[in-house]
Amino acid sequence: MDATDRRILGVLVSEGRVTFSELAARIGLSGPSTAERVRRLESDGVIAGYSAILNPVRAEAELAAFISVTLGSTDATEPFLAAMQREPMVLELHHVAGDGDYVLKVRCANTRELEQLISGVIKGVAGVSATRTTVVLSSRFERPVRARSDV
């Protein structure tokens, strides 16, 4: 990956619906060269996919929280991971060092939905021994992964 690829990624991260001709004009390449580079970045797995960024208030997912989950045994790992993968309110799942085994970032409509997620879904997985939840009061910003510009 070179500086031109990183410029392409920078534009696509902030404006995923930009056309190849617009993208080409912004980075100083021809349309076909730009399209070829984007296809290569996709096939190499650098670009994993495209998605819309939703307004959480309008998408009825205003409440954000981080949930630390501790598993009682390693036998619980696969069932837990499978259940979290199926749950649309779980946006991120990270295996962590320190307190707990996993940290989840979730978005829900309200506290009632959060309670159902914790009590009914997460604690409903055999082997989950503890959870600790931190509710987000406000967010200054959230951003997608950016292309490195320091390389």
Protein backbone atom coordinates (compact mmCIF):
# COMPACT_ATOMS: atom_id res chain seq x y z
CA MET A 1 0.00 0.00 0.00
CA ASP A 2 1.42 3.37 -0.99
CA ALA A 3 0.53 7.02 -0.37
CA THR A 4 -2.00 7.05 -3.22
CA ASP A 5 -3.80 4.03 -1.75
CA ARG A 6 -3.92 5.79 1.62
CA ARG A 7 -5.39 8.93 -0.03
CA ILE A 8 -8.03 6.75 -1.72
CA LEU A 9 -8.89 5.13 1.61
CA GLY A 10 -9.09 8.51 3.32
CA VAL A 11 -11.67 9.74 0.81
CA LEU A 12 -13.67 6.50 0.86
CA VAL A 13 -13.83 6.41 4.67
CA SER A 14 -15.34 9.89 4.80
CA GLU A 15 -17.34 9.71 1.56
CA GLY A 16 -18.09 6.10 0.69
CA ARG A 17 -20.52 6.99 -2.11
CA VAL A 18 -18.05 9.07 -4.13
CA THR A 19 -17.92 8.04 -7.81
CA PHE A 20 -14.72 6.73 -9.38
CA SER A 21 -14.48 9.87 -11.55
CA GLU A 22 -14.85 12.16 -8.50
CA LEU A 23 -12.36 10.06 -6.55
CA ALA A 24 -9.92 10.09 -9.48
CA ALA A 25 -10.10 13.88 -9.79
CA ARG A 26 -9.43 14.31 -6.06
CA ILE A 27 -6.36 12.07 -5.98
CA GLY A 28 -4.97 12.98 -9.40
CA LEU A 29 -5.31 9.67 -11.26
CA SER A 30 -7.35 8.54 -14.24
CA GLY A 31 -10.74 6.94 -13.63
CA PRO A 32 -9.62 3.46 -14.77
CA SER A 33 -6.44 3.58 -12.62
CA THR A 34 -8.48 4.65 -9.61
CA ALA A 35 -11.07 1.91 -10.18
CA GLU A 36 -8.28 -0.68 -10.52
CA ARG A 37 -6.69 0.46 -7.24
CA VAL A 38 -10.03 0.34 -5.40
CA ARG A 39 -10.74 -3.17 -6.74
CA ARG A 40 -7.25 -4.28 -5.60
CA LEU A 41 -7.82 -2.79 -2.13
CA GLU A 42 -11.11 -4.71 -1.98
CA SER A 43 -9.62 -8.01 -3.18
CA ASP A 44 -6.65 -7.65 -0.78
CA GLY A 45 -9.13 -7.25 2.08
CA VAL A 46 -8.02 -3.73 2.99
CA ILE A 47 -11.54 -2.54 2.17
CA ALA A 48 -13.72 -5.04 4.02
CA GLY A 49 -17.03 -3.62 2.82
CA TYR A 50 -19.22 -0.54 2.60
CA SER A 51 -21.97 0.59 4.93
CA ALA A 52 -24.14 3.53 5.85
CA ILE A 53 -23.43 5.45 9.05
CA LEU A 54 -26.72 5.84 10.88
CA ASN A 55 -27.84 8.64 13.16
CA PRO A 56 -28.39 6.70 16.42
CA VAL A 57 -31.28 8.94 17.53
CA ARG A 58 -33.15 8.55 14.25
CA ALA A 59 -32.34 4.82 14.08
CA GLU A 60 -33.89 4.29 17.54
CA ALA A 61 -30.54 3.27 19.04
CA GLU A 62 -29.74 6.33 21.13
CA LEU A 63 -28.50 4.52 24.26
CA ALA A 64 -24.89 3.37 23.98
CA ALA A 65 -23.16 1.18 26.57
CA PHE A 66 -20.03 -0.86 27.10
CA ILE A 67 -20.53 -4.24 28.74
CA SER A 68 -17.67 -6.19 30.26
CA VAL A 69 -18.40 -9.94 30.28
CA THR A 70 -16.62 -12.58 32.32
CA LEU A 71 -16.96 -16.22 31.32
CA GLY A 72 -16.82 -18.99 33.92
CA SER A 73 -14.93 -21.41 31.68
CA THR A 74 -13.36 -21.73 28.26
CA ASP A 75 -16.22 -24.08 27.28
CA ALA A 76 -18.49 -21.02 27.25
CA THR A 77 -16.43 -19.14 24.66
CA GLU A 78 -17.88 -20.49 21.41
CA PRO A 79 -21.56 -20.37 22.50
CA PHE A 80 -21.03 -16.84 23.82
CA LEU A 81 -19.32 -15.63 20.64
CA ALA A 82 -22.02 -17.21 18.45
CA ALA A 83 -24.83 -15.61 20.48
CA MET A 84 -23.20 -12.18 20.36
CA GLN A 85 -22.59 -12.47 16.62
CA ARG A 86 -26.35 -13.03 16.11
CA GLU A 87 -27.38 -10.07 18.30
CA PRO A 88 -27.84 -6.87 16.23
CA MET A 89 -27.55 -4.56 19.27
CA VAL A 90 -23.95 -5.74 19.76
CA LEU A 91 -21.88 -3.48 17.50
CA GLU A 92 -18.41 -4.49 18.63
CA LEU A 93 -16.94 -7.38 20.60
CA HIS A 94 -13.36 -7.32 21.86
CA HIS A 95 -11.38 -10.01 23.70
CA VAL A 96 -9.47 -8.06 26.35
CA ALA A 97 -6.82 -8.37 29.05
CA GLY A 98 -7.60 -7.13 32.53
CA ASP A 99 -11.03 -7.19 34.17
CA GLY A 100 -13.41 -9.45 32.29
CA ASP A 101 -12.85 -11.52 29.20
CA TYR A 102 -14.77 -9.52 26.59
CA VAL A 103 -15.96 -5.95 26.15
CA LEU A 104 -19.01 -5.29 24.01
CA LYS A 105 -20.13 -1.98 22.57
CA VAL A 106 -23.91 -2.01 22.27
CA ARG A 107 -26.61 0.38 21.10
CA CYS A 108 -30.21 0.13 22.30
CA ALA A 109 -33.34 2.24 22.12
CA ASN A 110 -33.65 2.68 25.91
CA THR A 111 -32.79 1.20 29.30
CA ARG A 112 -35.59 -1.36 29.06
CA GLU A 113 -34.01 -2.75 25.88
CA LEU A 114 -30.56 -2.68 27.50
CA GLU A 115 -31.89 -4.61 30.49
CA GLN A 116 -33.40 -7.25 28.18
CA LEU A 117 -30.10 -7.53 26.30
CA ILE A 118 -28.10 -8.01 29.50
CA SER A 119 -30.53 -10.18 31.45
CA GLY A 120 -32.18 -12.10 28.64
CA VAL A 121 -29.48 -12.46 26.00
CA ILE A 122 -26.02 -12.08 27.50
CA LYS A 123 -26.68 -13.68 30.90
CA GLY A 124 -28.82 -16.26 29.10
CA VAL A 125 -25.69 -17.80 27.57
CA ALA A 126 -24.50 -20.73 29.68
CA GLY A 127 -21.14 -19.97 31.23
CA VAL A 128 -21.48 -16.20 31.53
CA SER A 129 -20.52 -15.61 35.14
CA ALA A 130 -20.54 -11.80 35.42
CA THR A 131 -21.22 -8.58 33.56
CA ARG A 132 -20.40 -4.96 34.28
CA THR A 133 -22.13 -2.23 32.30
CA THR A 134 -21.07 1.35 31.67
CA VAL A 135 -23.75 3.55 30.10
CA VAL A 136 -22.54 6.33 27.79
CA LEU A 137 -23.94 9.74 28.77
CA SER A 138 -22.71 11.53 25.65
CA SER A 139 -20.20 10.99 22.85
CA ARG A 140 -17.87 13.68 21.55
CA PHE A 141 -17.21 11.68 18.39
CA GLU A 142 -17.13 8.20 16.93
CA ARG A 143 -15.14 7.51 13.83
CA PRO A 144 -14.33 4.67 11.49
CA VAL A 145 -10.79 3.38 11.05
CA ARG A 146 -8.72 5.91 9.12
CA ALA A 147 -5.98 5.18 6.64
CA ARG A 148 -2.54 5.79 8.13
CA SER A 149 -0.92 8.87 6.69
CA ASP A 150 2.39 8.52 8.57
CA VAL A 151 3.77 5.67 6.47
